[in-house]
PDB file of all heavy atoms in Angstrom:
ATOM      1  N   LEU A   1      34.365  -1.855  -1.246  1.00  0.00           N
ATOM      2  CA  LEU A   1      33.419  -1.292  -0.236  1.00  0.00           C
ATOM      3  C   LEU A   1      32.035  -1.853  -0.431  1.00  0.00           C
ATOM      4  O   LEU A   1      31.313  -2.109   0.530  1.00  0.00           O
ATOM      5  CB  LEU A   1      33.416   0.235  -0.337  1.00  0.00           C
ATOM      6  CG  LEU A   1      34.677   0.953   0.140  1.00  0.00           C
ATOM      7  CD1 LEU A   1      34.555   2.446  -0.052  1.00  0.00           C
ATOM      8  CD2 LEU A   1      34.904   0.656   1.645  1.00  0.00           C
ATOM      9  N   LYS A   2      31.630  -2.080  -1.702  1.00  0.00           N
ATOM     10  CA  LYS A   2      30.304  -2.610  -1.986  1.00  0.00           C
ATOM     11  C   LYS A   2      30.213  -4.066  -1.499  1.00  0.00           C
ATOM     12  O   LYS A   2      29.233  -4.486  -0.947  1.00  0.00           O
ATOM     13  CB  LYS A   2      30.019  -2.544  -3.503  1.00  0.00           C
ATOM     14  CG  LYS A   2      29.848  -1.144  -4.021  1.00  0.00           C
ATOM     15  CD  LYS A   2      29.580  -1.171  -5.510  1.00  0.00           C
ATOM     16  CE  LYS A   2      29.418   0.270  -6.071  1.00  0.00           C
ATOM     17  NZ  LYS A   2      29.144   0.236  -7.548  1.00  0.00           N
ATOM     18  N   LEU A   3      31.292  -4.835  -1.735  1.00  0.00           N
ATOM     19  CA  LEU A   3      31.316  -6.209  -1.272  1.00  0.00           C
ATOM     20  C   LEU A   3      31.324  -6.276   0.245  1.00  0.00           C
ATOM     21  O   LEU A   3      30.673  -7.137   0.861  1.00  0.00           O
ATOM     22  CB  LEU A   3      32.554  -6.913  -1.844  1.00  0.00           C
ATOM     23  CG  LEU A   3      32.598  -7.100  -3.347  1.00  0.00           C
ATOM     24  CD1 LEU A   3      33.900  -7.731  -3.785  1.00  0.00           C
ATOM     25  CD2 LEU A   3      31.405  -7.975  -3.797  1.00  0.00           C
ATOM     26  N   TYR A   4      32.052  -5.362   0.881  1.00  0.00           N
ATOM     27  CA  TYR A   4      32.092  -5.311   2.333  1.00  0.00           C
ATOM     28  C   TYR A   4      30.724  -4.990   2.892  1.00  0.00           C
ATOM     29  O   TYR A   4      30.244  -5.620   3.889  1.00  0.00           O
ATOM     30  CB  TYR A   4      33.084  -4.278   2.826  1.00  0.00           C
ATOM     31  CG  TYR A   4      33.077  -4.061   4.300  1.00  0.00           C
ATOM     32  CD1 TYR A   4      33.732  -4.955   5.188  1.00  0.00           C
ATOM     33  CD2 TYR A   4      32.466  -2.939   4.829  1.00  0.00           C
ATOM     34  CE1 TYR A   4      33.669  -4.724   6.548  1.00  0.00           C
ATOM     35  CE2 TYR A   4      32.420  -2.708   6.202  1.00  0.00           C
ATOM     36  CZ  TYR A   4      33.061  -3.574   7.074  1.00  0.00           C
ATOM     37  OH  TYR A   4      33.018  -3.385   8.391  1.00  0.00           O
ATOM     38  N   ALA A   5      30.034  -4.034   2.266  1.00  0.00           N
ATOM     39  CA  ALA A   5      28.674  -3.661   2.688  1.00  0.00           C
ATOM     40  C   ALA A   5      27.721  -4.830   2.541  1.00  0.00           C
ATOM     41  O   ALA A   5      26.863  -5.085   3.396  1.00  0.00           O
ATOM     42  CB  ALA A   5      28.199  -2.431   1.934  1.00  0.00           C
ATOM     43  N   THR A   6      27.824  -5.580   1.449  1.00  0.00           N
ATOM     44  CA  THR A   6      26.970  -6.740   1.205  1.00  0.00           C
ATOM     45  C   THR A   6      27.185  -7.782   2.258  1.00  0.00           C
ATOM     46  O   THR A   6      26.241  -8.374   2.814  1.00  0.00           O
ATOM     47  CB  THR A   6      27.256  -7.329  -0.195  1.00  0.00           C
ATOM     48  OG1 THR A   6      27.056  -6.304  -1.189  1.00  0.00           O
ATOM     49  CG2 THR A   6      26.309  -8.467  -0.510  1.00  0.00           C
ATOM     50  N   ALA A   7      28.477  -8.068   2.570  1.00  0.00           N
ATOM     51  CA  ALA A   7      28.765  -9.073   3.580  1.00  0.00           C
ATOM     52  C   ALA A   7      28.276  -8.615   4.949  1.00  0.00           C
ATOM     53  O   ALA A   7      27.718  -9.439   5.738  1.00  0.00           O
ATOM     54  CB  ALA A   7      30.283  -9.304   3.624  1.00  0.00           C
ATOM     55  N   SER A   8      28.423  -7.354   5.283  1.00  0.00           N
ATOM     56  CA  SER A   8      27.952  -6.823   6.527  1.00  0.00           C
ATOM     57  C   SER A   8      26.431  -6.958   6.689  1.00  0.00           C
ATOM     58  O   SER A   8      25.900  -7.277   7.752  1.00  0.00           O
ATOM     59  CB  SER A   8      28.365  -5.344   6.694  1.00  0.00           C
ATOM     60  OG  SER A   8      29.758  -5.198   6.695  1.00  0.00           O
ATOM     61  N   LEU A   9      25.713  -6.690   5.595  1.00  0.00           N
ATOM     62  CA  LEU A   9      24.246  -6.793   5.619  1.00  0.00           C
ATOM     63  C   LEU A   9      23.829  -8.255   5.872  1.00  0.00           C
ATOM     64  O   LEU A   9      22.870  -8.504   6.623  1.00  0.00           O
ATOM     65  CB  LEU A   9      23.655  -6.296   4.280  1.00  0.00           C
ATOM     66  CG  LEU A   9      23.662  -4.800   4.074  1.00  0.00           C
ATOM     67  CD1 LEU A   9      23.251  -4.467   2.645  1.00  0.00           C
ATOM     68  CD2 LEU A   9      22.764  -4.113   5.100  1.00  0.00           C
ATOM     69  N   LYS A  10      24.538  -9.183   5.263  1.00  0.00           N
ATOM     70  CA  LYS A  10      24.224 -10.590   5.466  1.00  0.00           C
ATOM     71  C   LYS A  10      24.489 -11.001   6.925  1.00  0.00           C
ATOM     72  O   LYS A  10      23.680 -11.728   7.555  1.00  0.00           O
ATOM     73  CB  LYS A  10      25.040 -11.471   4.508  1.00  0.00           C
ATOM     74  CG  LYS A  10      24.694 -12.938   4.619  1.00  0.00           C
ATOM     75  CD  LYS A  10      23.236 -13.182   4.232  1.00  0.00           C
ATOM     76  CE  LYS A  10      22.896 -14.676   4.225  1.00  0.00           C
ATOM     77  NZ  LYS A  10      21.493 -14.926   3.835  1.00  0.00           N
ATOM     78  N   ALA A  11      25.598 -10.551   7.494  1.00  0.00           N
ATOM     79  CA  ALA A  11      25.928 -10.855   8.889  1.00  0.00           C
ATOM     80  C   ALA A  11      24.866 -10.259   9.845  1.00  0.00           C
ATOM     81  O   ALA A  11      24.433 -10.939  10.782  1.00  0.00           O
ATOM     82  CB  ALA A  11      27.324 -10.304   9.248  1.00  0.00           C
ATOM     83  N   SER A  12      24.443  -9.044   9.561  1.00  0.00           N
ATOM     84  CA  SER A  12      23.412  -8.392  10.371  1.00  0.00           C
ATOM     85  C   SER A  12      22.070  -9.132  10.277  1.00  0.00           C
ATOM     86  O   SER A  12      21.339  -9.260  11.258  1.00  0.00           O
ATOM     87  CB  SER A  12      23.244  -6.951   9.963  1.00  0.00           C
ATOM     88  OG  SER A  12      24.439  -6.220  10.113  1.00  0.00           O
ATOM     89  N   GLU A  13      21.778  -9.628   9.084  1.00  0.00           N
ATOM     90  CA  GLU A  13      20.542 -10.346   8.851  1.00  0.00           C
ATOM     91  C   GLU A  13      20.454 -11.602   9.727  1.00  0.00           C
ATOM     92  O   GLU A  13      19.408 -11.932  10.287  1.00  0.00           O
ATOM     93  CB  GLU A  13      20.435 -10.692   7.396  1.00  0.00           C
ATOM     94  CG  GLU A  13      19.200 -11.513   7.031  1.00  0.00           C
ATOM     95  CD  GLU A  13      19.200 -11.977   5.567  1.00  0.00           C
ATOM     96  OE1 GLU A  13      19.712 -11.203   4.715  1.00  0.00           O
ATOM     97  OE2 GLU A  13      18.710 -13.070   5.316  1.00  0.00           O
ATOM     98  N   LYS A  14      21.581 -12.338   9.844  1.00  0.00           N
ATOM     99  CA  LYS A  14      21.565 -13.555  10.650  1.00  0.00           C
ATOM    100  C   LYS A  14      21.419 -13.241  12.129  1.00  0.00           C
ATOM    101  O   LYS A  14      20.967 -14.125  12.898  1.00  0.00           O
ATOM    102  CB  LYS A  14      22.850 -14.334  10.389  1.00  0.00           C
ATOM    103  CG  LYS A  14      22.974 -14.904   8.965  1.00  0.00           C
ATOM    104  CD  LYS A  14      23.967 -16.014   8.911  1.00  0.00           C
ATOM    105  CE  LYS A  14      23.469 -17.276   9.580  1.00  0.00           C
ATOM    106  NZ  LYS A  14      24.317 -18.461   9.384  1.00  0.00           N
ATOM    107  N   LEU A  15      21.796 -12.084  12.545  1.00  0.00           N
ATOM    108  CA  LEU A  15      21.703 -11.709  13.937  1.00  0.00           C
ATOM    109  C   LEU A  15      20.479 -10.889  14.280  1.00  0.00           C
ATOM    110  O   LEU A  15      20.304 -10.462  15.394  1.00  0.00           O
ATOM    111  CB  LEU A  15      22.972 -10.902  14.353  1.00  0.00           C
ATOM    112  CG  LEU A  15      24.292 -11.688  14.353  1.00  0.00           C
ATOM    113  CD1 LEU A  15      25.451 -10.754  14.551  1.00  0.00           C
ATOM    114  CD2 LEU A  15      24.260 -12.756  15.453  1.00  0.00           C
ATOM    115  N   ARG A  16      19.657 -10.629  13.284  1.00  0.00           N
ATOM    116  CA  ARG A  16      18.511  -9.756  13.438  1.00  0.00           C
ATOM    117  C   ARG A  16      17.514 -10.305  14.490  1.00  0.00           C
ATOM    118  O   ARG A  16      16.918  -9.560  15.206  1.00  0.00           O
ATOM    119  CB  ARG A  16      17.781  -9.591  12.092  1.00  0.00           C
ATOM    120  CG  ARG A  16      16.682  -8.509  12.147  1.00  0.00           C
ATOM    121  CD  ARG A  16      16.168  -8.308  10.706  1.00  0.00           C
ATOM    122  NE  ARG A  16      17.257  -7.876   9.816  1.00  0.00           N
ATOM    123  CZ  ARG A  16      17.150  -7.945   8.493  1.00  0.00           C
ATOM    124  NH1 ARG A  16      16.062  -8.398   7.932  1.00  0.00           N
ATOM    125  NH2 ARG A  16      18.132  -7.507   7.758  1.00  0.00           N
ATOM    126  N   GLY A  17      17.371 -11.634  14.540  1.00  0.00           N
ATOM    127  CA  GLY A  17      16.446 -12.192  15.512  1.00  0.00           C
ATOM    128  C   GLY A  17      17.028 -12.399  16.877  1.00  0.00           C
ATOM    129  O   GLY A  17      16.340 -12.852  17.787  1.00  0.00           O
ATOM    130  N   GLY A  18      18.299 -12.079  17.045  1.00  0.00           N
ATOM    131  CA  GLY A  18      18.965 -12.253  18.350  1.00  0.00           C
ATOM    132  C   GLY A  18      19.786 -13.513  18.376  1.00  0.00           C
ATOM    133  O   GLY A  18      19.585 -14.431  17.569  1.00  0.00           O
ATOM    134  N   ILE A  19      20.730 -13.577  19.278  1.00  0.00           N
ATOM    135  CA  ILE A  19      21.634 -14.712  19.433  1.00  0.00           C
ATOM    136  C   ILE A  19      20.877 -15.990  19.745  1.00  0.00           C
ATOM    137  O   ILE A  19      21.301 -17.108  19.357  1.00  0.00           O
ATOM    138  CB  ILE A  19      22.677 -14.412  20.485  1.00  0.00           C
ATOM    139  CG1 ILE A  19      23.575 -13.207  20.015  1.00  0.00           C
ATOM    140  CG2 ILE A  19      23.567 -15.613  20.726  1.00  0.00           C
ATOM    141  CD1 ILE A  19      24.594 -12.800  21.030  1.00  0.00           C
ATOM    142  N   ILE A  20      19.735 -15.868  20.431  1.00  0.00           N
ATOM    143  CA  ILE A  20      19.024 -17.046  20.902  1.00  0.00           C
ATOM    144  C   ILE A  20      18.627 -17.952  19.794  1.00  0.00           C
ATOM    145  O   ILE A  20      18.515 -19.200  19.920  1.00  0.00           O
ATOM    146  CB  ILE A  20      17.812 -16.603  21.727  1.00  0.00           C
ATOM    147  CG1 ILE A  20      17.219 -17.831  22.455  1.00  0.00           C
ATOM    148  CG2 ILE A  20      16.751 -15.946  20.852  1.00  0.00           C
ATOM    149  CD1 ILE A  20      16.139 -17.498  23.436  1.00  0.00           C
ATOM    150  N   TYR A  21      18.423 -17.394  18.583  1.00  0.00           N
ATOM    151  CA  TYR A  21      18.022 -18.203  17.441  1.00  0.00           C
ATOM    152  C   TYR A  21      19.181 -19.020  16.846  1.00  0.00           C
ATOM    153  O   TYR A  21      18.950 -19.971  16.111  1.00  0.00           O
ATOM    154  CB  TYR A  21      17.425 -17.348  16.327  1.00  0.00           C
ATOM    155  CG  TYR A  21      16.052 -16.780  16.683  1.00  0.00           C
ATOM    156  CD1 TYR A  21      15.913 -15.524  17.211  1.00  0.00           C
ATOM    157  CD2 TYR A  21      14.914 -17.551  16.508  1.00  0.00           C
ATOM    158  CE1 TYR A  21      14.661 -15.040  17.538  1.00  0.00           C
ATOM    159  CE2 TYR A  21      13.671 -17.056  16.830  1.00  0.00           C
ATOM    160  CZ  TYR A  21      13.556 -15.767  17.348  1.00  0.00           C
ATOM    161  OH  TYR A  21      12.317 -15.294  17.711  1.00  0.00           O
ATOM    162  N   LEU A  22      20.403 -18.655  17.200  1.00  0.00           N
ATOM    163  CA  LEU A  22      21.557 -19.398  16.758  1.00  0.00           C
ATOM    164  C   LEU A  22      21.940 -20.510  17.741  1.00  0.00           C
ATOM    165  O   LEU A  22      22.721 -21.403  17.391  1.00  0.00           O
ATOM    166  CB  LEU A  22      22.777 -18.468  16.581  1.00  0.00           C
ATOM    167  CG  LEU A  22      22.591 -17.338  15.579  1.00  0.00           C
ATOM    168  CD1 LEU A  22      23.796 -16.448  15.585  1.00  0.00           C
ATOM    169  CD2 LEU A  22      22.336 -17.886  14.167  1.00  0.00           C
ATOM    170  N   LEU A  23      21.409 -20.448  18.921  1.00  0.00           N
ATOM    171  CA  LEU A  23      21.804 -21.409  19.972  1.00  0.00           C
ATOM    172  C   LEU A  23      21.484 -22.856  19.644  1.00  0.00           C
ATOM    173  O   LEU A  23      22.265 -23.752  19.955  1.00  0.00           O
ATOM    174  CB  LEU A  23      21.174 -21.038  21.321  1.00  0.00           C
ATOM    175  CG  LEU A  23      21.717 -19.704  21.921  1.00  0.00           C
ATOM    176  CD1 LEU A  23      21.032 -19.458  23.286  1.00  0.00           C
ATOM    177  CD2 LEU A  23      23.238 -19.755  22.092  1.00  0.00           C
ATOM    178  N   PRO A  24      20.313 -23.190  19.086  1.00  0.00           N
ATOM    179  CA  PRO A  24      20.032 -24.591  18.758  1.00  0.00           C
ATOM    180  C   PRO A  24      21.067 -25.201  17.795  1.00  0.00           C
ATOM    181  O   PRO A  24      21.517 -26.332  18.010  1.00  0.00           O
ATOM    182  CB  PRO A  24      18.639 -24.549  18.134  1.00  0.00           C
ATOM    183  CG  PRO A  24      18.019 -23.304  18.712  1.00  0.00           C
ATOM    184  CD  PRO A  24      19.129 -22.337  18.825  1.00  0.00           C
ATOM    185  N   ASP A  25      21.448 -24.431  16.775  1.00  0.00           N
ATOM    186  CA  ASP A  25      22.450 -24.923  15.827  1.00  0.00           C
ATOM    187  C   ASP A  25      23.797 -25.123  16.518  1.00  0.00           C
ATOM    188  O   ASP A  25      24.498 -26.133  16.269  1.00  0.00           O
ATOM    189  CB  ASP A  25      22.553 -23.979  14.650  1.00  0.00           C
ATOM    190  CG  ASP A  25      23.611 -24.429  13.647  1.00  0.00           C
ATOM    191  OD1 ASP A  25      23.421 -25.543  13.093  1.00  0.00           O
ATOM    192  OD2 ASP A  25      24.580 -23.734  13.419  1.00  0.00           O
ATOM    193  N   ILE A  26      24.160 -24.159  17.351  1.00  0.00           N
ATOM    194  CA  ILE A  26      25.435 -24.280  18.101  1.00  0.00           C
ATOM    195  C   ILE A  26      25.404 -25.491  19.015  1.00  0.00           C
ATOM    196  O   ILE A  26      26.381 -26.244  19.116  1.00  0.00           O
ATOM    197  CB  ILE A  26      25.681 -22.983  18.893  1.00  0.00           C
ATOM    198  CG1 ILE A  26      25.989 -21.808  17.955  1.00  0.00           C
ATOM    199  CG2 ILE A  26      26.852 -23.167  19.868  1.00  0.00           C
ATOM    200  CD1 ILE A  26      26.139 -20.477  18.641  1.00  0.00           C
ATOM    201  N   ALA A  27      24.270 -25.708  19.686  1.00  0.00           N
ATOM    202  CA  ALA A  27      24.168 -26.875  20.582  1.00  0.00           C
ATOM    203  C   ALA A  27      24.315 -28.184  19.851  1.00  0.00           C
ATOM    204  O   ALA A  27      24.992 -29.106  20.302  1.00  0.00           O
ATOM    205  CB  ALA A  27      22.828 -26.808  21.309  1.00  0.00           C
ATOM    206  N   LEU A  28      23.706 -28.283  18.653  1.00  0.00           N
ATOM    207  CA  LEU A  28      23.805 -29.505  17.876  1.00  0.00           C
ATOM    208  C   LEU A  28      25.267 -29.763  17.410  1.00  0.00           C
ATOM    209  O   LEU A  28      25.711 -30.885  17.403  1.00  0.00           O
ATOM    210  CB  LEU A  28      22.861 -29.429  16.652  1.00  0.00           C
ATOM    211  CG  LEU A  28      21.389 -29.568  16.934  1.00  0.00           C
ATOM    212  CD1 LEU A  28      20.560 -29.315  15.681  1.00  0.00           C
ATOM    213  CD2 LEU A  28      21.079 -30.929  17.520  1.00  0.00           C
ATOM    214  N   ARG A  29      25.958 -28.684  17.080  1.00  0.00           N
ATOM    215  CA  ARG A  29      27.352 -28.835  16.629  1.00  0.00           C
ATOM    216  C   ARG A  29      28.218 -29.266  17.790  1.00  0.00           C
ATOM    217  O   ARG A  29      29.142 -30.090  17.629  1.00  0.00           O
ATOM    218  CB  ARG A  29      27.844 -27.541  16.017  1.00  0.00           C
ATOM    219  CG  ARG A  29      27.144 -27.191  14.679  1.00  0.00           C
ATOM    220  CD  ARG A  29      27.665 -25.871  14.087  1.00  0.00           C
ATOM    221  NE  ARG A  29      29.033 -25.971  13.663  1.00  0.00           N
ATOM    222  CZ  ARG A  29      29.688 -24.988  13.024  1.00  0.00           C
ATOM    223  NH1 ARG A  29      29.043 -23.867  12.774  1.00  0.00           N
ATOM    224  NH2 ARG A  29      30.925 -25.137  12.678  1.00  0.00           N
TER     225      ARG A  29
END
């Protein structure tokens, strides 16, 4: 459960600024 919570926090952190911040990396790929 602790590992799951840690992974969830990291996933939330990457999405904290919104999906728009991931779009440049997705476009390059």
